[in-house]
C-alpha cells in the first residue's frame, strides 16, 4: 500500500496503463446503494433497493466509485470477470453506512488490482491511510488485513481541492454540512458534469453556498434528500441537526444552480417502495426531470 498526499490542488495519474474494459460507456452513473443510515432488505424495499450508499461513474473508460456502503459488495461481485482492474474510490466521509461494504469488496483482496482511494483526513485522524486501515478495516473486517492483496494507494484531500485524471476528467470538491464533516464531489468531462452531495443538511436561512457553487450548471445533481419537509420539521420528532436534507430542498438547490436533472438519494430506512413512489410523483410535479435513485439504475450524463 502506498500513501500519497497531493503536492498541489491539481494531480494527474499517468503511472499505470489503462485497465478498464473497452466497452465502458463514455459517461454514465450507475447506482449500487441508495439507502441511508442502515441496510433495509425486505419486501418493502425491493424496487428501490436496501443497500447503503455507493455509486459508480464510468467516464472515458475509467471507473470512479463514490462511497463504500453495502452496495459496494454487489459492485465488487459484478467486476469478477473484469479483473485485473484499476479504479478510483472517493469517500464523502466515514460514517458506517458509507464504509461498511469495503471489508467485503472482493477486488480489494485480489492480487493485480489497483485502487486509488481518496478522502479527507477525519477531524481526529493522523492520516487517511492510518484511519482507513485501523478504523474502517481492522476492527470490522471478517478477513485478516494480510488478505488485502490489491495495490491500495491513498490520497488525502481537503474540501475545496481539485484534481485531474487522465483524459481530461476533472474532479472538484466542496464542504458539506454534516456531523463530523463530509465532502461533496463534482466530476466534469467534455463539458458534462455530475455532482454528488451526500450527506448534507440544508441551511435554515438560505441555500448552502458550498453546494450551490459545486452544483452550478451540472447535468446531474445527486442530492441527500433523506426526509420530507414534514418529517424534517415534525414537532414530535424533528430531524433538524441530523445532517440530512429533504426533497423539497433538493428542488430548491437544483433550480437555483441551474441543474438539468436531480436525483433524490440516501432514502430513509423507513421509506418503503410505495412511499418513495409517492415522493417521486410529488417531486416530478415541480421538477419534471427529477429521478429517484434506484439500485442498478444507469443514468447517462448529458448528451
Protein backbone atom coordinates (compact mmCIF):
# COMPACT_ATOMS: atom_id res chain seq x y z
CA UNK A 1 0.00 0.00 0.00
CA UNK A 2 1.19 3.47 -0.81
CA UNK A 3 0.13 6.78 0.71
CA UNK A 4 0.34 9.93 -1.37
CA UNK A 5 -0.67 13.46 -0.45
CA UNK A 6 -1.17 15.77 -3.46
CA UNK A 7 1.55 18.40 -3.54
CA UNK A 8 -0.86 20.82 -5.18
CA UNK A 9 -4.57 21.07 -5.86
CA UNK A 10 -4.11 19.54 -9.31
CA UNK A 11 -2.89 15.99 -9.73
CA UNK A 12 -2.70 13.63 -12.71
CA UNK A 13 -2.26 9.85 -12.73
CA UNK A 14 -0.03 8.72 -15.59
CA UNK A 15 1.89 5.88 -13.99
CA UNK A 16 -0.34 2.89 -14.80
CA UNK A 17 -1.74 1.53 -18.07
CA UNK A 18 -5.46 1.55 -18.74
CA UNK A 19 -7.18 -1.49 -17.22
CA UNK A 20 -10.84 -0.71 -17.89
CA UNK A 21 -12.69 -2.83 -20.46
CA UNK A 22 -13.16 -1.33 -23.89
CA UNK A 23 -16.93 -1.40 -23.72
CA UNK A 24 -17.35 1.07 -20.83
CA UNK A 25 -19.81 3.84 -21.71
CA UNK A 26 -18.31 7.30 -22.16
CA UNK A 27 -20.07 8.91 -19.15
CA UNK A 28 -22.77 7.19 -17.11
CA UNK A 29 -23.74 6.86 -13.46
CA UNK A 30 -24.86 3.52 -12.02
CA UNK A 31 -26.38 3.30 -8.54
CA UNK A 32 -25.34 0.35 -6.37
CA UNK A 33 -26.63 1.54 -2.99
CA UNK A 34 -29.16 4.34 -2.47
CA UNK A 35 -30.25 3.90 1.15
CA UNK A 36 -29.16 5.96 4.16
CA UNK A 37 -28.16 5.02 7.70
CA UNK A 38 -28.63 1.23 7.65
CA UNK A 39 -29.29 -1.52 5.10
CA UNK A 40 -33.00 -2.28 4.72
CA UNK A 41 -33.56 -5.62 2.97
CA UNK A 42 -37.10 -6.91 2.71
CA UNK A 43 -40.30 -6.93 0.72
CA UNK A 44 -40.89 -3.19 1.19
CA UNK A 45 -37.62 -2.13 -0.47
CA UNK A 46 -37.38 -4.44 -3.48
CA UNK A 47 -37.90 -1.85 -6.23
CA UNK A 48 -35.61 0.89 -4.92
CA UNK A 49 -33.16 -1.30 -3.05
CA UNK A 50 -31.96 -1.56 0.52
CA UNK A 51 -28.17 -1.24 0.21
CA UNK A 52 -26.41 1.80 1.63
CA UNK A 53 -24.57 4.49 -0.32
CA UNK A 54 -22.42 3.50 -3.28
CA UNK A 55 -22.44 4.67 -6.87
CA UNK A 56 -20.21 4.20 -9.85
CA UNK A 57 -19.31 6.63 -12.63
CA UNK A 58 -17.86 5.23 -15.82
CA UNK A 59 -16.07 8.09 -17.52
CA UNK A 60 -13.84 7.93 -20.60
CA UNK A 61 -13.03 4.28 -19.92
CA UNK A 62 -12.26 4.86 -16.24
CA UNK A 63 -14.21 3.58 -13.25
CA UNK A 64 -14.88 6.06 -10.42
CA UNK A 65 -16.58 4.72 -7.27
CA UNK A 66 -18.16 7.03 -4.70
CA UNK A 67 -18.61 5.77 -1.13
CA UNK A 68 -18.38 2.21 0.12
CA UNK A 69 -21.70 1.31 1.70
CA UNK A 70 -23.14 -2.19 1.35
CA UNK A 71 -23.78 -1.53 -2.33
CA UNK A 72 -20.01 -1.81 -2.84
CA UNK A 73 -20.15 -5.56 -2.21
CA UNK A 74 -22.53 -6.08 -5.15
CA UNK A 75 -20.41 -3.82 -7.34
CA UNK A 76 -17.34 -5.86 -6.46
CA UNK A 77 -19.10 -9.10 -7.33
CA UNK A 78 -20.07 -7.66 -10.72
CA UNK A 79 -16.41 -6.98 -11.53
CA UNK A 80 -15.29 -10.60 -11.11
CA UNK A 81 -14.93 -11.14 -14.86
CA UNK A 82 -13.11 -7.85 -15.46
CA UNK A 83 -10.10 -8.27 -13.20
CA UNK A 84 -7.34 -7.23 -13.06
CA UNK A 85 -8.72 -3.73 -12.86
CA UNK A 86 -7.89 -0.20 -11.80
CA UNK A 87 -10.44 2.12 -10.20
CA UNK A 88 -10.68 5.35 -8.23
CA UNK A 89 -12.63 5.36 -4.96
CA UNK A 90 -13.83 8.61 -3.37
CA UNK A 91 -15.28 8.86 0.13
CA UNK A 92 -17.56 11.66 1.28
CA UNK A 93 -16.94 10.68 4.92
CA UNK A 94 -16.56 7.60 7.11
CA UNK A 95 -19.86 7.08 8.86
CA UNK A 96 -20.79 3.42 8.98
CA UNK A 97 -23.35 3.44 6.15
CA UNK A 98 -20.71 4.79 3.73
CA UNK A 99 -17.91 2.33 4.53
CA UNK A 100 -19.49 -0.95 5.61
CA UNK A 101 -19.20 -2.59 2.19
CA UNK A 102 -15.43 -2.27 1.87
CA UNK A 103 -14.49 -5.22 4.13
CA UNK A 104 -16.47 -7.44 1.71
CA UNK A 105 -15.27 -5.75 -1.50
CA UNK A 106 -13.71 -8.80 -3.15
CA UNK A 107 -11.48 -6.93 -5.65
CA UNK A 108 -9.53 -5.36 -2.76
CA UNK A 109 -8.43 -8.84 -1.71
CA UNK A 110 -7.37 -9.88 -5.22
CA UNK A 111 -3.76 -9.51 -6.44
CA UNK A 112 -3.24 -7.44 -9.56
CA UNK A 113 -5.96 -4.87 -8.90
CA UNK A 114 -5.14 -1.24 -8.13
CA UNK A 115 -7.35 1.22 -6.27
CA UNK A 116 -6.66 4.94 -5.81
CA UNK A 117 -8.54 5.86 -2.62
CA UNK A 118 -9.41 9.50 -1.94
CA UNK A 119 -10.92 11.27 1.05
CA UNK A 120 -10.38 13.78 3.80
CA UNK A 121 -8.46 13.08 6.98
CA UNK A 122 -11.09 12.74 9.75
CA UNK A 123 -11.11 15.52 12.37
CA UNK A 124 -9.31 13.27 14.89
CA UNK A 125 -7.19 11.35 12.39
CA UNK A 126 -3.47 11.38 11.64
CA UNK A 127 -3.67 10.30 8.00
CA UNK A 128 -6.22 8.81 5.69
CA UNK A 129 -4.32 5.55 5.32
CA UNK A 130 -3.97 5.10 9.08
CA UNK A 131 -7.63 5.87 9.67
CA UNK A 132 -8.74 3.56 6.86
CA UNK A 133 -6.65 0.61 7.96
CA UNK A 134 -7.11 0.97 11.72
CA UNK A 135 -10.72 2.20 11.88
CA UNK A 136 -12.50 1.21 8.67
CA UNK A 137 -10.94 -2.21 8.18
CA UNK A 138 -9.08 -3.59 11.19
CA UNK A 139 -11.87 -3.87 13.81
CA UNK A 140 -14.66 -4.54 11.32
CA UNK A 141 -13.32 -6.80 8.60
CA UNK A 142 -14.02 -10.54 8.82
CA UNK A 143 -10.92 -11.06 6.64
CA UNK A 144 -7.40 -10.52 8.09
CA UNK A 145 -5.67 -7.39 6.83
CA UNK A 146 -2.95 -9.51 5.28
CA UNK A 147 -5.62 -10.62 2.84
CA UNK A 148 -5.58 -7.18 1.22
CA UNK A 149 -3.67 -8.19 -1.88
CA UNK A 150 -4.65 -5.32 -4.19
CA UNK A 151 -2.46 -2.26 -4.60
CA UNK A 152 -4.19 0.37 -2.42
CA UNK A 153 -2.97 3.95 -2.87
CA UNK A 154 -4.25 6.66 -0.56
CA UNK A 155 -4.65 10.35 -1.42
CA UNK A 156 -5.65 12.98 1.11
CA UNK A 157 -8.00 15.77 0.08
CA UNK A 158 -9.39 18.88 1.73
CA UNK A 159 -12.74 20.40 0.80
CA UNK A 160 -12.05 22.88 -1.97
CA UNK A 161 -9.26 20.82 -3.57
CA UNK A 162 -9.40 19.84 -7.24
CA UNK A 163 -7.65 17.09 -9.13
CA UNK A 164 -7.46 15.84 -12.68
CA UNK A 165 -7.24 12.31 -14.00
CA UNK A 166 -6.08 11.32 -17.48
CA UNK A 167 -8.35 12.05 -20.46
CA UNK A 168 -9.41 15.41 -19.06
CA UNK A 169 -11.53 14.15 -16.15
CA UNK A 170 -11.71 16.97 -13.62
CA UNK A 171 -12.85 16.45 -10.03
CA UNK A 172 -13.74 19.32 -7.70
CA UNK A 173 -14.66 19.08 -4.02
CA UNK A 174 -16.72 21.13 -1.60
CA UNK A 175 -17.61 21.17 2.08
CA UNK A 176 -20.94 19.64 3.11
CA UNK A 177 -22.96 20.34 6.25
CA UNK A 178 -22.86 17.09 8.20
CA UNK A 179 -21.80 15.97 11.71
CA UNK A 180 -18.06 15.15 11.79
CA UNK A 181 -17.82 16.78 8.32
CA UNK A 182 -18.37 15.41 4.82
CA UNK A 183 -17.21 16.34 1.33
CA UNK A 184 -19.11 16.64 -1.95
CA UNK A 185 -17.69 15.93 -5.41
CA UNK A 186 -18.19 17.30 -8.91
CA UNK A 187 -16.94 15.24 -11.86
CA UNK A 188 -16.60 17.02 -15.22
CA UNK A 189 -15.62 15.56 -18.57
CA UNK A 190 -16.01 17.16 -22.00
CA UNK A 191 -18.32 19.83 -20.62
CA UNK A 192 -20.63 17.39 -18.81
CA UNK A 193 -20.83 17.28 -15.01
CA UNK A 194 -22.21 15.16 -12.19
CA UNK A 195 -22.36 16.44 -8.61
CA UNK A 196 -22.58 14.02 -5.68
CA UNK A 197 -23.70 15.62 -2.41
CA UNK A 198 -24.34 13.10 0.32
CA UNK A 199 -24.57 13.59 3.30
CA UNK A 200 -25.59 17.22 3.73
CA UNK A 201 -28.18 19.28 5.58
CA UNK A 202 -29.65 22.42 4.10
CA UNK A 203 -29.18 25.68 5.98
CA UNK A 204 -32.10 27.23 7.88
CA UNK A 205 -31.63 30.72 6.45
CA UNK A 206 -30.90 30.13 2.77
CA UNK A 207 -29.05 27.95 0.31
CA UNK A 208 -25.68 26.48 1.22
CA UNK A 209 -23.15 28.37 -0.90
CA UNK A 210 -20.74 25.43 -0.89
CA UNK A 211 -23.30 23.13 -2.50
CA UNK A 212 -24.60 25.88 -4.78
CA UNK A 213 -21.16 26.64 -6.22
CA UNK A 214 -20.32 22.97 -6.65
CA UNK A 215 -23.62 22.34 -8.46
CA UNK A 216 -23.87 25.30 -10.85
CA UNK A 217 -24.94 24.20 -14.33
CA UNK A 218 -24.43 20.49 -13.64
CA UNK A 219 -26.11 17.89 -15.83
CA UNK A 220 -26.97 15.78 -12.79
CA UNK A 221 -27.10 16.60 -9.08
CA UNK A 222 -27.27 13.57 -6.76
CA UNK A 223 -28.57 15.06 -3.52
CA UNK A 224 -29.17 13.78 0.00
CA UNK A 225 -32.96 14.07 0.32
CA UNK A 226 -33.49 11.66 3.19
CA UNK A 227 -36.63 13.33 4.55
CA UNK A 228 -39.73 15.19 3.50
CA UNK A 229 -40.24 18.69 4.84
CA UNK A 230 -42.97 17.37 7.15
CA UNK A 231 -40.62 14.78 8.62
CA UNK A 232 -37.78 17.24 8.97
CA UNK A 233 -39.94 19.73 10.91
CA UNK A 234 -42.12 17.21 12.77
CA UNK A 235 -42.64 18.79 16.21
CA UNK A 236 -42.78 15.37 17.91
CA UNK A 237 -39.63 14.02 16.26
CA UNK A 238 -37.75 16.75 14.36
CA UNK A 239 -34.74 15.84 12.24
CA UNK A 240 -33.10 19.27 12.46
CA UNK A 241 -29.37 18.90 13.05
CA UNK A 242 -29.21 15.26 11.96
CA UNK A 243 -27.15 16.10 8.88
CA UNK A 244 -29.65 15.35 6.11
CA UNK A 245 -31.94 17.30 3.82
CA UNK A 246 -35.33 16.98 2.08
CA UNK A 247 -36.56 16.51 -1.46
CA UNK A 248 -38.10 19.98 -1.35
CA UNK A 249 -34.67 21.46 -0.59
CA UNK A 250 -33.17 19.34 -3.37
CA UNK A 251 -35.53 21.04 -5.85
CA UNK A 252 -34.67 24.49 -4.48
CA UNK A 253 -30.97 23.80 -4.90
CA UNK A 254 -31.40 22.34 -8.39
CA UNK A 255 -33.41 25.32 -9.56
CA UNK A 256 -31.04 27.88 -8.05
CA UNK A 257 -27.97 26.15 -9.51
CA UNK A 258 -29.47 25.66 -12.95
CA UNK A 259 -29.13 21.89 -12.73
CA UNK A 260 -30.62 19.90 -15.62
CA UNK A 261 -31.54 16.81 -13.61
CA UNK A 262 -31.66 15.99 -9.90
CA UNK A 263 -31.55 12.52 -8.33
CA UNK A 264 -33.23 12.04 -4.95
CA UNK A 265 -30.76 9.92 -2.96
CA UNK A 266 -29.97 8.49 0.51
CA UNK A 267 -33.50 7.21 1.16
CA UNK A 268 -34.60 6.93 4.78
CA UNK A 269 -34.73 3.34 6.13
CA UNK A 270 -38.44 3.77 6.94
CA UNK A 271 -39.35 4.79 3.38
CA UNK A 272 -40.62 1.74 1.52
CA UNK A 273 -41.21 1.45 -2.21
CA UNK A 274 -44.77 2.82 -2.13
CA UNK A 275 -43.72 5.81 -0.04
CA UNK A 276 -40.87 6.58 -2.46
CA UNK A 277 -43.27 6.23 -5.41
CA UNK A 278 -45.37 8.94 -3.80
CA UNK A 279 -42.32 11.19 -3.33
CA UNK A 280 -41.43 10.63 -6.99
CA UNK A 281 -44.85 11.87 -8.08
CA UNK A 282 -44.56 14.94 -5.88
CA UNK A 283 -41.03 15.89 -6.88
CA UNK A 284 -41.67 15.39 -10.61
CA UNK A 285 -44.73 17.63 -10.37
CA UNK A 286 -42.45 20.56 -9.52
CA UNK A 287 -39.24 19.41 -11.25
CA UNK A 288 -40.17 17.09 -14.14
CA UNK A 289 -36.62 15.90 -14.79
CA UNK A 290 -36.11 14.70 -11.22
CA UNK A 291 -35.48 10.99 -10.69
CA UNK A 292 -35.49 8.72 -7.68
CA UNK A 293 -32.21 6.85 -7.21
CA UNK A 294 -32.75 3.10 -7.61
CA UNK A 295 -30.23 0.30 -7.30
CA UNK A 296 -28.78 -0.76 -10.66
CA UNK A 297 -30.32 2.24 -12.44
CA UNK A 298 -27.96 3.58 -15.12
CA UNK A 299 -28.19 7.28 -15.94
CA UNK A 300 -26.39 8.73 -18.99
CA UNK A 301 -24.81 12.11 -18.33
CA UNK A 302 -25.59 14.93 -20.75
CA UNK A 303 -25.75 14.33 -24.45
